[in-house]
């Protein structure tokens, strides 16, 4: 933990720059472990209007791990609707493709959900403010970041009064300060651009009358006016309209334009309340480096993607979870500094795959040439050979390499599972009843049988649990999710990481081998040079 050295300078474990969902979640995950955290936010108050509006099952499990879902699960509305919930239709309304957003998900929550971002941010902020070790400072802008090697000096000035100056000394800095990240610019970190760019009008409204829609998301691939319709949380909907070449940005951004473009769907001032309309430029890009010394990028500071798959915020929440468990282990002396080096490569490749998928979908939707659109329709129609089939799954990429995993028949680096279990007569999600963190799970066999007392003590020290799951026994597989998962992956042992990705699989007899491999990967320097005394 941080040690006070200069009475004139606040000394903390971590400075988080940015108080959006990613920054607040980062502060919450660290603060729940007793870290002294300062959150620096340039705006004096929360942004009151919606931005992100979809969130997936993995992101909800991450929020669950921070204690959010126990009280705020009602903020999220699961995807429903025909043909998997996500549809792509041409100008005539003909179905071209369907994505199965309604499928059963690995993480114990609905696969895709609508939500209202201001409500989520308010909940996260209240939880952060309830932690005495976390200090949320609004109305401050980061002016300089000086990494000295053993700490970082963060200089900040008042957003409205640059003569106000403060400096905070931190062991680590997490920059979650958005697409125009000041910290990323101060570090001189470049970004790779996907080459995709399109201006869109985003319109959020509240329906004043109940109405059934065919799908959770419909992409209207009309070359005359590409558009998106999406359920954006309880009691809300969103439309998005691409700017045509014959329309100026000024005209696109007018309220009367929003109403005119929604009129074909019978959304009018008589039956809807316009909450927000804003023009965005949809892009795909990612930072070339995700860390520099003791400073890390997360969320939109590290990546930006078109919204066509609803994965932008999900990726940022993954960043927060992937980074915080590493920082916690290193700061406590349970892992060596090289563990932090895997954060960037793992997350960058993972998010790049999703960006590529989103850009591919975006190019399909954004086609404005009628002849090319007709060819597109014919190709997609041919792919949809079975009109009742759900032809596409959302992307499920593996972690980038090098990753903190071991070869396990292809399961390594993939998202693991959370099913419903029964423990001591109580039924619920595995993480709630057994624990999150490192999970060593044996199917119908106790993995601890072959472990030494030292193995078990070490696993406990890093926040791990060991359980046998089966159709009967102390941890009962209520819905058969674990039976199906182990059968599909042809294994009977799973070691899952705190960010819920598979470290390795095998049989219960492999438990000592998996723990030995994990131990050596968390502390590579100590294994090579046991005489060294390392400090974080």
Protein backbone atom coordinates (compact mmCIF):
# COMPACT_ATOMS: atom_id res chain seq x y z
CA UNK A 1 0.00 0.00 0.00
CA UNK A 2 1.02 3.59 -0.46
CA UNK A 3 3.33 5.12 2.16
CA UNK A 4 3.20 8.83 3.05
CA UNK A 5 6.43 10.66 2.28
CA UNK A 6 5.61 14.31 1.56
CA UNK A 7 3.03 15.90 3.87
CA UNK A 8 2.29 18.51 1.18
CA UNK A 9 1.29 15.89 -1.39
CA UNK A 10 -1.57 13.41 -1.12
CA UNK A 11 -0.18 9.89 -1.40
CA UNK A 12 -2.49 7.14 -2.59
CA UNK A 13 -2.37 3.70 -4.13
CA UNK A 14 -4.01 4.69 -7.41
CA UNK A 15 -5.25 7.71 -9.31
CA UNK A 16 -8.10 6.94 -11.69
CA UNK A 17 -8.61 9.60 -14.35
CA UNK A 18 -12.20 9.77 -15.53
CA UNK A 19 -15.46 9.14 -13.65
CA UNK A 20 -17.44 7.40 -16.36
CA UNK A 21 -18.53 3.78 -15.86
CA UNK A 22 -15.04 2.38 -16.53
CA UNK A 23 -13.28 4.75 -14.15
CA UNK A 24 -15.90 4.35 -11.43
CA UNK A 25 -15.83 0.56 -11.72
CA UNK A 26 -12.02 0.59 -11.50
CA UNK A 27 -12.18 2.72 -8.35
CA UNK A 28 -14.90 0.50 -6.90
CA UNK A 29 -12.99 -2.75 -7.50
CA UNK A 30 -9.84 -1.31 -5.93
CA UNK A 31 -11.62 0.53 -3.13
CA UNK A 32 -13.47 -2.61 -2.03
CA UNK A 33 -10.03 -4.09 -1.37
CA UNK A 34 -9.03 -1.15 0.82
CA UNK A 35 -6.97 0.80 -1.70
CA UNK A 36 -6.70 4.54 -1.29
CA UNK A 37 -7.95 5.85 -4.64
CA UNK A 38 -8.40 9.36 -6.02
CA UNK A 39 -10.76 9.67 -8.99
CA UNK A 40 -10.11 12.81 -11.05
CA UNK A 41 -12.96 14.02 -13.26
CA UNK A 42 -12.89 17.25 -15.24
CA UNK A 43 -16.66 17.78 -15.27
CA UNK A 44 -18.30 19.10 -12.08
CA UNK A 45 -21.32 16.78 -12.34
CA UNK A 46 -22.33 13.51 -13.95
CA UNK A 47 -23.38 13.71 -17.59
CA UNK A 48 -27.19 13.51 -17.35
CA UNK A 49 -28.01 12.07 -20.78
CA UNK A 50 -27.71 8.57 -22.29
CA UNK A 51 -24.70 7.39 -24.25
CA UNK A 52 -24.02 3.63 -24.23
CA UNK A 53 -27.28 1.68 -24.15
CA UNK A 54 -26.42 -2.04 -24.50
CA UNK A 55 -24.43 -4.30 -22.23
CA UNK A 56 -23.72 -8.03 -22.41
CA UNK A 57 -23.69 -10.94 -19.97
CA UNK A 58 -19.95 -10.83 -19.36
CA UNK A 59 -20.10 -7.16 -18.39
CA UNK A 60 -22.97 -7.90 -16.00
CA UNK A 61 -20.91 -10.62 -14.34
CA UNK A 62 -18.12 -8.07 -13.94
CA UNK A 63 -20.59 -5.67 -12.32
CA UNK A 64 -21.77 -8.56 -10.15
CA UNK A 65 -18.20 -9.03 -8.91
CA UNK A 66 -18.21 -5.40 -7.77
CA UNK A 67 -21.46 -5.80 -5.84
CA UNK A 68 -23.57 -3.85 -8.33
CA UNK A 69 -26.05 -6.50 -9.42
CA UNK A 70 -27.27 -7.44 -5.95
CA UNK A 71 -29.11 -4.12 -5.72
CA UNK A 72 -29.28 -2.83 -9.28
CA UNK A 73 -30.18 -5.75 -11.55
CA UNK A 74 -33.41 -3.95 -12.41
CA UNK A 75 -31.43 -1.33 -14.36
CA UNK A 76 -30.97 -3.83 -17.20
CA UNK A 77 -33.61 -5.09 -19.64
CA UNK A 78 -32.80 -8.39 -21.42
CA UNK A 79 -32.96 -8.67 -25.19
CA UNK A 80 -36.19 -10.11 -26.49
CA UNK A 81 -37.87 -10.25 -29.85
CA UNK A 82 -38.10 -12.42 -32.91
CA UNK A 83 -35.24 -14.11 -34.73
CA UNK A 84 -32.72 -13.79 -31.92
CA UNK A 85 -33.38 -10.16 -31.09
CA UNK A 86 -30.87 -8.60 -33.55
CA UNK A 87 -32.03 -8.23 -37.14
CA UNK A 88 -30.62 -6.75 -40.32
CA UNK A 89 -33.28 -5.85 -42.90
CA UNK A 90 -33.12 -4.23 -46.32
CA UNK A 91 -35.13 -1.29 -47.64
CA UNK A 92 -38.14 -3.56 -48.30
CA UNK A 93 -38.07 -4.93 -44.75
CA UNK A 94 -36.75 -8.31 -45.88
CA UNK A 95 -34.64 -10.14 -43.31
CA UNK A 96 -31.00 -10.38 -44.39
CA UNK A 97 -29.34 -11.65 -41.23
CA UNK A 98 -30.16 -12.40 -37.61
CA UNK A 99 -27.79 -12.44 -34.65
CA UNK A 100 -28.74 -14.52 -31.64
CA UNK A 101 -28.71 -11.96 -28.84
CA UNK A 102 -31.40 -13.94 -26.99
CA UNK A 103 -29.34 -17.08 -26.53
CA UNK A 104 -28.42 -18.55 -23.17
CA UNK A 105 -25.16 -16.97 -22.06
CA UNK A 106 -22.12 -18.38 -20.25
CA UNK A 107 -22.01 -15.78 -17.51
CA UNK A 108 -25.32 -16.39 -15.74
CA UNK A 109 -27.00 -13.26 -17.08
CA UNK A 110 -29.05 -12.46 -20.18
CA UNK A 111 -26.85 -12.41 -23.27
CA UNK A 112 -27.56 -8.75 -24.19
CA UNK A 113 -29.39 -6.06 -22.25
CA UNK A 114 -30.58 -2.49 -22.70
CA UNK A 115 -29.84 0.07 -20.00
CA UNK A 116 -29.85 3.79 -19.26
CA UNK A 117 -26.27 4.94 -18.66
CA UNK A 118 -27.07 7.84 -16.28
CA UNK A 119 -28.75 5.37 -13.91
CA UNK A 120 -25.75 3.02 -13.99
CA UNK A 121 -23.32 5.88 -13.39
CA UNK A 122 -25.42 7.15 -10.49
CA UNK A 123 -25.39 3.69 -8.89
CA UNK A 124 -21.63 3.30 -9.35
CA UNK A 125 -20.98 6.78 -7.99
CA UNK A 126 -23.05 6.11 -4.87
CA UNK A 127 -21.16 2.89 -4.24
CA UNK A 128 -17.81 4.65 -4.71
CA UNK A 129 -18.79 7.50 -2.41
CA UNK A 130 -19.74 4.97 0.28
CA UNK A 131 -16.10 3.82 0.40
CA UNK A 132 -14.11 6.03 2.80
CA UNK A 133 -10.85 5.16 1.05
CA UNK A 134 -12.00 6.54 -2.34
CA UNK A 135 -11.99 10.28 -3.02
CA UNK A 136 -13.98 11.46 -6.06
CA UNK A 137 -12.74 14.88 -7.16
CA UNK A 138 -14.92 16.52 -9.77
CA UNK A 139 -13.98 19.74 -11.56
CA UNK A 140 -10.27 18.88 -11.91
CA UNK A 141 -8.29 18.34 -15.11
CA UNK A 142 -5.03 16.40 -15.30
CA UNK A 143 -2.23 18.73 -16.40
CA UNK A 144 0.80 16.45 -16.16
CA UNK A 145 1.75 12.86 -15.37
CA UNK A 146 5.31 12.22 -14.20
CA UNK A 147 6.30 8.57 -13.79
CA UNK A 148 9.44 8.54 -11.63
CA UNK A 149 9.88 4.78 -11.73
CA UNK A 150 8.68 3.96 -8.24
CA UNK A 151 5.61 6.24 -8.22
CA UNK A 152 3.65 8.66 -10.40
CA UNK A 153 3.10 12.34 -9.71
CA UNK A 154 -0.23 13.51 -11.11
CA UNK A 155 -0.57 17.28 -11.39
CA UNK A 156 -4.06 18.64 -11.85
CA UNK A 157 -5.68 22.03 -12.18
CA UNK A 158 -9.19 23.31 -11.69
CA UNK A 159 -11.24 22.85 -14.83
CA UNK A 160 -12.75 26.31 -14.41
CA UNK A 161 -9.77 27.89 -12.65
CA UNK A 162 -6.33 26.82 -13.81
CA UNK A 163 -4.70 28.74 -10.96
CA UNK A 164 -5.95 26.03 -8.60
CA UNK A 165 -3.26 23.36 -8.57
CA UNK A 166 -2.86 20.08 -6.73
CA UNK A 167 -0.46 17.17 -6.99
CA UNK A 168 -1.19 13.58 -6.01
CA UNK A 169 1.46 10.90 -5.60
CA UNK A 170 0.25 7.44 -6.62
CA UNK A 171 1.71 4.00 -7.05
CA UNK A 172 -0.38 3.53 -10.20
CA UNK A 173 -2.50 5.57 -12.61
CA UNK A 174 -5.43 4.25 -14.63
CA UNK A 175 -6.51 6.58 -17.45
CA UNK A 176 -10.18 6.01 -18.22
CA UNK A 177 -10.66 9.55 -19.49
CA UNK A 178 -12.38 8.83 -22.77
CA UNK A 179 -11.69 8.94 -26.48
CA UNK A 180 -9.86 12.27 -26.21
CA UNK A 181 -7.78 11.05 -23.28
CA UNK A 182 -5.54 13.75 -21.87
CA UNK A 183 -3.31 11.13 -20.27
CA UNK A 184 -2.84 9.25 -23.54
CA UNK A 185 -1.88 12.52 -25.22
CA UNK A 186 0.53 13.43 -22.42
CA UNK A 187 2.23 10.05 -22.84
CA UNK A 188 2.39 10.47 -26.63
CA UNK A 189 0.74 7.11 -27.29
CA UNK A 190 -0.46 6.72 -30.88
CA UNK A 191 -3.55 4.87 -32.09
CA UNK A 192 -4.18 2.49 -34.96
CA UNK A 193 -7.21 3.43 -37.05
CA UNK A 194 -9.47 0.89 -38.73
CA UNK A 195 -10.22 3.29 -41.58
CA UNK A 196 -13.95 3.26 -40.85
CA UNK A 197 -15.66 6.61 -40.26
CA UNK A 198 -19.30 7.70 -40.56
CA UNK A 199 -21.39 10.52 -39.09
CA UNK A 200 -24.60 9.43 -37.38
CA UNK A 201 -27.42 11.19 -35.56
CA UNK A 202 -28.24 9.45 -32.27
CA UNK A 203 -31.77 10.08 -31.00
CA UNK A 204 -32.96 8.96 -27.56
CA UNK A 205 -36.62 9.17 -26.69
CA UNK A 206 -39.19 7.93 -24.18
CA UNK A 207 -42.30 6.34 -25.71
CA UNK A 208 -45.51 7.75 -24.24
CA UNK A 209 -47.57 4.75 -25.36
CA UNK A 210 -46.81 1.03 -25.12
CA UNK A 211 -45.78 -0.60 -28.36
CA UNK A 212 -44.36 -3.97 -29.37
CA UNK A 213 -41.31 -4.05 -31.65
CA UNK A 214 -40.20 -7.13 -33.56
CA UNK A 215 -36.62 -7.05 -32.33
CA UNK A 216 -34.36 -5.68 -29.64
CA UNK A 217 -32.17 -4.21 -32.39
CA UNK A 218 -33.04 -3.71 -36.04
CA UNK A 219 -30.46 -2.49 -38.52
CA UNK A 220 -32.32 -0.93 -41.43
CA UNK A 221 -29.91 -1.41 -44.33
CA UNK A 222 -31.68 1.04 -46.61
CA UNK A 223 -29.25 2.77 -49.01
CA UNK A 224 -31.55 5.81 -49.05
CA UNK A 225 -31.26 6.16 -45.26
CA UNK A 226 -29.32 3.65 -43.14
CA UNK A 227 -30.80 3.53 -39.64
CA UNK A 228 -30.74 1.61 -36.37
CA UNK A 229 -33.59 1.05 -33.91
CA UNK A 230 -32.72 -0.31 -30.46
CA UNK A 231 -34.29 -0.85 -27.05
CA UNK A 232 -32.18 1.32 -24.77
CA UNK A 233 -33.29 0.34 -21.30
CA UNK A 234 -36.53 0.21 -19.35
CA UNK A 235 -39.00 2.71 -20.80
CA UNK A 236 -36.63 4.03 -23.47
CA UNK A 237 -35.74 3.57 -27.13
CA UNK A 238 -33.10 4.88 -29.50
CA UNK A 239 -32.87 5.56 -33.23
CA UNK A 240 -29.64 6.23 -35.10
CA UNK A 241 -29.49 7.69 -38.62
CA UNK A 242 -26.46 7.93 -40.87
CA UNK A 243 -25.70 11.28 -42.49
CA UNK A 244 -26.26 11.21 -46.23
CA UNK A 245 -23.94 13.15 -48.53
CA UNK A 246 -26.68 15.67 -49.32
CA UNK A 247 -27.14 16.61 -45.65
CA UNK A 248 -24.90 18.93 -43.64
CA UNK A 249 -23.84 18.17 -40.09
CA UNK A 250 -25.77 21.22 -38.94
CA UNK A 251 -29.00 19.98 -40.50
CA UNK A 252 -28.42 16.46 -39.20
CA UNK A 253 -28.13 17.72 -35.64
CA UNK A 254 -31.47 19.57 -35.54
CA UNK A 255 -34.43 18.35 -33.49
CA UNK A 256 -36.76 18.74 -36.47
CA UNK A 257 -34.48 16.41 -38.45
CA UNK A 258 -34.74 13.81 -35.69
CA UNK A 259 -38.54 13.93 -35.73
CA UNK A 260 -38.67 13.81 -39.53
CA UNK A 261 -36.39 10.77 -39.69
CA UNK A 262 -38.40 8.89 -37.03
CA UNK A 263 -41.75 9.63 -38.66
CA UNK A 264 -41.74 6.52 -40.93
CA UNK A 265 -41.86 4.43 -37.73
CA UNK A 266 -44.74 6.52 -36.38
CA UNK A 267 -42.60 8.09 -33.67
CA UNK A 268 -43.91 11.65 -33.33
CA UNK A 269 -44.18 14.41 -30.70
CA UNK A 270 -47.68 13.09 -30.00
CA UNK A 271 -46.45 9.71 -28.76
CA UNK A 272 -42.82 10.24 -27.72
CA UNK A 273 -40.70 12.54 -25.57
CA UNK A 274 -37.39 13.53 -27.19
CA UNK A 275 -34.65 13.21 -24.57
CA UNK A 276 -31.48 13.76 -26.59
CA UNK A 277 -30.28 14.14 -30.14
CA UNK A 278 -26.57 14.40 -30.94
CA UNK A 279 -24.27 13.79 -33.89
CA UNK A 280 -21.40 11.35 -33.44
CA UNK A 281 -18.65 10.21 -35.77
CA UNK A 282 -18.47 6.42 -35.51
CA UNK A 283 -14.88 5.17 -35.70
CA UNK A 284 -12.81 2.10 -34.95
CA UNK A 285 -9.35 2.48 -33.41
CA UNK A 286 -7.13 1.18 -30.62
CA UNK A 287 -4.07 2.44 -28.79
CA UNK A 288 -0.68 1.10 -29.87
CA UNK A 289 0.32 0.80 -26.20
CA UNK A 290 -2.01 0.15 -23.29
CA UNK A 291 0.51 0.93 -20.59
CA UNK A 292 3.61 2.99 -20.07
CA UNK A 293 5.47 2.25 -16.84
CA UNK A 294 3.00 2.70 -13.99
CA UNK A 295 0.29 4.27 -16.16
CA UNK A 296 -2.44 2.21 -17.85
CA UNK A 297 -5.15 3.01 -20.39
CA UNK A 298 -8.68 1.63 -20.13
CA UNK A 299 -12.02 2.11 -21.85
CA UNK A 300 -12.32 4.64 -24.66
CA UNK A 301 -8.87 5.97 -23.81
CA UNK A 302 -7.55 2.64 -25.14
CA UNK A 303 -10.08 1.82 -27.86
CA UNK A 304 -13.02 3.15 -29.80
CA UNK A 305 -15.47 1.10 -31.84
CA UNK A 306 -18.58 1.67 -33.92
CA UNK A 307 -21.71 0.83 -31.90
CA UNK A 308 -23.17 -1.72 -34.30
CA UNK A 309 -22.56 -4.66 -31.92
CA UNK A 310 -23.15 -2.78 -28.68
CA UNK A 311 -19.71 -3.72 -27.33
CA UNK A 312 -17.99 -0.38 -26.61
CA UNK A 313 -18.76 -0.12 -22.90
CA UNK A 314 -18.52 -3.89 -22.45
CA UNK A 315 -14.92 -3.73 -23.64
CA UNK A 316 -14.14 -0.95 -21.17
CA UNK A 317 -15.58 -2.89 -18.25
CA UNK A 318 -13.48 -5.89 -19.30
CA UNK A 319 -10.43 -3.61 -19.18
CA UNK A 320 -11.26 -2.57 -15.62
CA UNK A 321 -11.62 -6.15 -14.41
CA UNK A 322 -8.56 -7.43 -16.29
CA UNK A 323 -6.35 -4.66 -14.92
CA UNK A 324 -7.52 -4.46 -11.31
CA UNK A 325 -6.94 -8.09 -10.38
CA UNK A 326 -3.40 -7.79 -11.69
CA UNK A 327 -2.74 -4.58 -9.76
CA UNK A 328 -4.11 -6.10 -6.57
CA UNK A 329 -1.80 -9.11 -6.75
CA UNK A 330 1.29 -7.06 -7.60
CA UNK A 331 0.63 -4.47 -4.91
CA UNK A 332 0.21 -7.18 -2.27
CA UNK A 333 3.48 -8.81 -3.30
CA UNK A 334 1.73 -11.95 -4.55
CA UNK A 335 2.84 -11.43 -8.15
CA UNK A 336 5.81 -9.86 -9.90
CA UNK A 337 5.62 -6.71 -12.03
CA UNK A 338 5.78 -8.66 -15.34
CA UNK A 339 2.21 -9.81 -14.67
CA UNK A 340 1.10 -6.30 -15.62
CA UNK A 341 2.78 -6.64 -19.02
CA UNK A 342 0.15 -9.16 -20.14
CA UNK A 343 -2.72 -6.70 -19.70
CA UNK A 344 -2.13 -4.82 -22.95
CA UNK A 345 -1.50 -7.71 -25.36
CA UNK A 346 -4.41 -9.74 -24.01
CA UNK A 347 -6.92 -6.93 -24.13
CA UNK A 348 -5.70 -5.24 -27.32
CA UNK A 349 -6.10 -8.30 -29.53
CA UNK A 350 -9.42 -9.20 -27.91
CA UNK A 351 -10.86 -5.76 -28.55
CA UNK A 352 -9.35 -5.53 -32.04
CA UNK A 353 -11.29 -8.63 -33.11
CA UNK A 354 -14.53 -7.08 -31.86
CA UNK A 355 -13.74 -3.76 -33.56
CA UNK A 356 -13.12 -5.60 -36.83
CA UNK A 357 -16.47 -7.39 -36.46
CA UNK A 358 -18.25 -4.11 -35.69
CA UNK A 359 -16.63 -2.39 -38.66
CA UNK A 360 -17.64 -5.28 -40.94
CA UNK A 361 -21.25 -4.97 -39.80
CA UNK A 362 -21.02 -1.20 -40.13
CA UNK A 363 -19.87 -1.36 -43.74
CA UNK A 364 -22.88 -3.54 -44.54
CA UNK A 365 -25.30 -1.14 -42.85
CA UNK A 366 -23.73 2.05 -44.21
CA UNK A 367 -23.93 1.13 -47.90
CA UNK A 368 -25.64 3.98 -49.77
CA UNK A 369 -25.12 2.91 -53.39
CA UNK A 370 -28.36 1.23 -54.58
CA UNK A 371 -26.61 -1.17 -56.97
CA UNK A 372 -24.05 -2.30 -54.41
CA UNK A 373 -26.83 -2.58 -51.83
CA UNK A 374 -28.77 -4.86 -54.19
CA UNK A 375 -25.70 -7.09 -54.61
CA UNK A 376 -25.24 -7.10 -50.83
CA UNK A 377 -28.85 -8.13 -50.34
CA UNK A 378 -28.50 -10.99 -52.81
CA UNK A 379 -25.35 -12.30 -51.12
CA UNK A 380 -26.85 -12.10 -47.65
CA UNK A 381 -30.10 -13.65 -48.87
CA UNK A 382 -28.14 -16.62 -50.20
CA UNK A 383 -26.38 -17.04 -46.86
CA UNK A 384 -29.70 -17.12 -45.06
CA UNK A 385 -30.60 -20.47 -46.61
CA UNK A 386 -32.93 -21.42 -43.79
CA UNK A 387 -35.40 -18.57 -43.18
CA UNK A 388 -35.97 -19.79 -39.63
CA UNK A 389 -32.27 -20.08 -38.80
CA UNK A 390 -30.26 -17.77 -36.60
CA UNK A 391 -27.17 -17.64 -38.74
CA UNK A 392 -24.77 -15.57 -36.70
CA UNK A 393 -23.46 -15.58 -33.14
CA UNK A 394 -21.98 -12.52 -31.45
CA UNK A 395 -18.15 -12.55 -31.50
CA UNK A 396 -16.46 -14.57 -28.75
CA UNK A 397 -12.75 -13.86 -29.23
CA UNK A 398 -9.90 -15.44 -27.33
CA UNK A 399 -7.52 -13.32 -25.29
CA UNK A 400 -4.57 -11.96 -27.22
CA UNK A 401 -1.10 -13.47 -26.96
CA UNK A 402 1.05 -13.71 -25.00
CA UNK A 403 -1.61 -14.51 -22.44
CA UNK A 404 -1.63 -15.74 -18.87
CA UNK A 405 -2.93 -19.19 -19.80
CA UNK A 406 -1.62 -22.68 -20.50
CA UNK A 407 -2.52 -24.89 -23.50
CA UNK A 408 -5.77 -26.70 -22.77
CA UNK A 409 -7.24 -28.03 -25.97
CA UNK A 410 -8.43 -24.65 -27.16
CA UNK A 411 -10.40 -23.65 -24.05
CA UNK A 412 -7.57 -21.50 -22.69
CA UNK A 413 -8.13 -17.78 -23.06
CA UNK A 414 -11.84 -18.27 -23.71
CA UNK A 415 -14.59 -17.00 -21.47
CA UNK A 416 -15.49 -19.51 -18.75
CA UNK A 417 -18.93 -19.97 -17.25
CA UNK A 418 -21.10 -19.11 -14.30
CA UNK A 419 -24.13 -21.30 -13.73
CA UNK A 420 -26.75 -21.58 -11.07
CA UNK A 421 -25.79 -23.85 -8.20
CA UNK A 422 -27.26 -24.92 -4.88
CA UNK A 423 -25.11 -24.66 -1.75
CA UNK A 424 -26.42 -25.46 1.74
CA UNK A 425 -29.99 -25.33 0.49
CA UNK A 426 -29.58 -21.95 -1.23
CA UNK A 427 -29.79 -21.63 -5.00
CA UNK A 428 -28.06 -18.82 -6.86
CA UNK A 429 -25.20 -17.87 -9.14
CA UNK A 430 -21.86 -19.54 -8.49
CA UNK A 431 -19.91 -16.35 -7.77
CA UNK A 432 -22.44 -15.26 -5.16
CA UNK A 433 -22.55 -18.57 -3.31
CA UNK A 434 -18.96 -19.81 -3.69
CA UNK A 435 -16.92 -16.75 -4.63
CA UNK A 436 -15.37 -15.06 -7.63
CA UNK A 437 -11.59 -14.70 -7.95
CA UNK A 438 -9.55 -17.71 -9.03
CA UNK A 439 -11.93 -20.66 -9.35
CA UNK A 440 -10.64 -24.24 -9.34
CA UNK A 441 -13.67 -26.36 -10.20
CA UNK A 442 -13.77 -30.14 -10.55
CA UNK A 443 -16.65 -31.96 -12.19
CA UNK A 444 -17.91 -34.65 -9.79
CA UNK A 445 -14.48 -34.80 -8.16
CA UNK A 446 -12.77 -32.71 -5.49
CA UNK A 447 -9.68 -31.02 -7.00
CA UNK A 448 -8.20 -30.45 -3.55
CA UNK A 449 -7.62 -34.17 -3.03
CA UNK A 450 -4.26 -34.02 -4.81
CA UNK A 451 -3.16 -30.64 -3.48
CA UNK A 452 -0.79 -30.03 -0.61
CA UNK A 453 -1.55 -27.77 2.33
CA UNK A 454 0.89 -25.27 0.81
CA UNK A 455 -0.97 -25.38 -2.52
CA UNK A 456 -4.28 -24.68 -0.84
CA UNK A 457 -2.85 -21.91 1.35
CA UNK A 458 -1.27 -20.22 -1.66
CA UNK A 459 -4.46 -20.43 -3.72
CA UNK A 460 -6.42 -18.95 -0.83
CA UNK A 461 -3.86 -16.14 -0.50
CA UNK A 462 -4.50 -15.01 -4.09
CA UNK A 463 -8.26 -15.12 -3.59
CA UNK A 464 -8.93 -18.60 -4.94
CA UNK A 465 -11.59 -21.19 -4.15
CA UNK A 466 -11.68 -24.96 -4.72
CA UNK A 467 -14.95 -26.83 -5.22
CA UNK A 468 -16.39 -29.96 -6.74
CA UNK A 469 -19.56 -29.38 -8.75
CA UNK A 470 -21.94 -32.11 -9.79
CA UNK A 471 -25.56 -33.18 -10.18
CA UNK A 472 -25.52 -33.85 -6.44
CA UNK A 473 -23.26 -32.93 -3.56
CA UNK A 474 -22.28 -29.76 -1.67
CA UNK A 475 -22.29 -27.64 -4.86
CA UNK A 476 -25.12 -28.88 -7.06
CA UNK A 477 -25.36 -27.99 -10.74
CA UNK A 478 -28.96 -26.74 -10.76
CA UNK A 479 -29.56 -26.28 -14.48
CA UNK A 480 -26.91 -28.58 -15.94
CA UNK A 481 -24.74 -25.69 -17.16
CA UNK A 482 -21.55 -27.17 -15.71
CA UNK A 483 -22.34 -30.66 -17.02
CA UNK A 484 -22.74 -29.25 -20.53
CA UNK A 485 -19.61 -27.08 -20.30
CA UNK A 486 -17.30 -29.86 -19.12
CA UNK A 487 -18.72 -32.28 -21.72
CA UNK A 488 -18.28 -29.74 -24.52
CA UNK A 489 -14.66 -29.07 -23.53
CA UNK A 490 -13.86 -32.74 -22.83
CA UNK A 491 -12.39 -32.06 -19.41
CA UNK A 492 -13.33 -32.39 -15.75
CA UNK A 493 -11.23 -29.62 -14.21
CA UNK A 494 -11.34 -25.86 -14.79
CA UNK A 495 -9.09 -23.13 -13.44
CA UNK A 496 -10.72 -19.78 -14.21
CA UNK A 497 -9.14 -16.37 -13.66
CA UNK A 498 -10.64 -13.44 -11.72
CA UNK A 499 -11.72 -11.89 -15.03
CA UNK A 500 -13.54 -15.17 -15.80
CA UNK A 501 -11.28 -16.35 -18.62
CA UNK A 502 -9.96 -19.90 -18.69
CA UNK A 503 -6.41 -20.28 -17.40
CA UNK A 504 -6.36 -24.02 -18.04
CA UNK A 505 -8.33 -27.27 -17.99
CA UNK A 506 -7.64 -30.95 -17.41
CA UNK A 507 -8.69 -33.66 -14.98
CA UNK A 508 -8.70 -33.38 -11.17
CA UNK A 509 -5.33 -35.11 -11.19
CA UNK A 510 -3.96 -32.10 -13.09
CA UNK A 511 -4.76 -29.66 -10.27
CA UNK A 512 -1.18 -29.60 -8.88
CA UNK A 513 0.20 -29.03 -12.38
CA UNK A 514 -2.17 -26.15 -13.09
CA UNK A 515 -1.40 -24.43 -9.79
CA UNK A 516 2.35 -24.90 -10.27
CA UNK A 517 2.11 -23.35 -13.73
CA UNK A 518 0.06 -20.45 -12.42
CA UNK A 519 2.44 -19.86 -9.54
CA UNK A 520 5.45 -19.71 -11.84
CA UNK A 521 3.66 -17.35 -14.24
CA UNK A 522 2.59 -14.97 -11.48
CA UNK A 523 6.07 -14.86 -9.98
CA UNK A 524 8.50 -15.52 -12.85
CA UNK A 525 11.31 -13.41 -11.39
CA UNK A 526 11.16 -15.10 -8.03
CA UNK A 527 11.22 -18.50 -9.68
CA UNK A 528 14.28 -17.53 -11.74
CA UNK A 529 16.01 -15.52 -9.02
CA UNK A 530 14.61 -16.58 -5.64
CA UNK A 531 17.29 -14.58 -3.85
CA UNK A 532 15.85 -11.29 -5.18
CA UNK A 533 13.59 -9.27 -2.93
CA UNK A 534 11.08 -7.54 -5.15
CA UNK A 535 8.98 -4.49 -4.50
CA UNK A 536 5.94 -3.53 -6.54
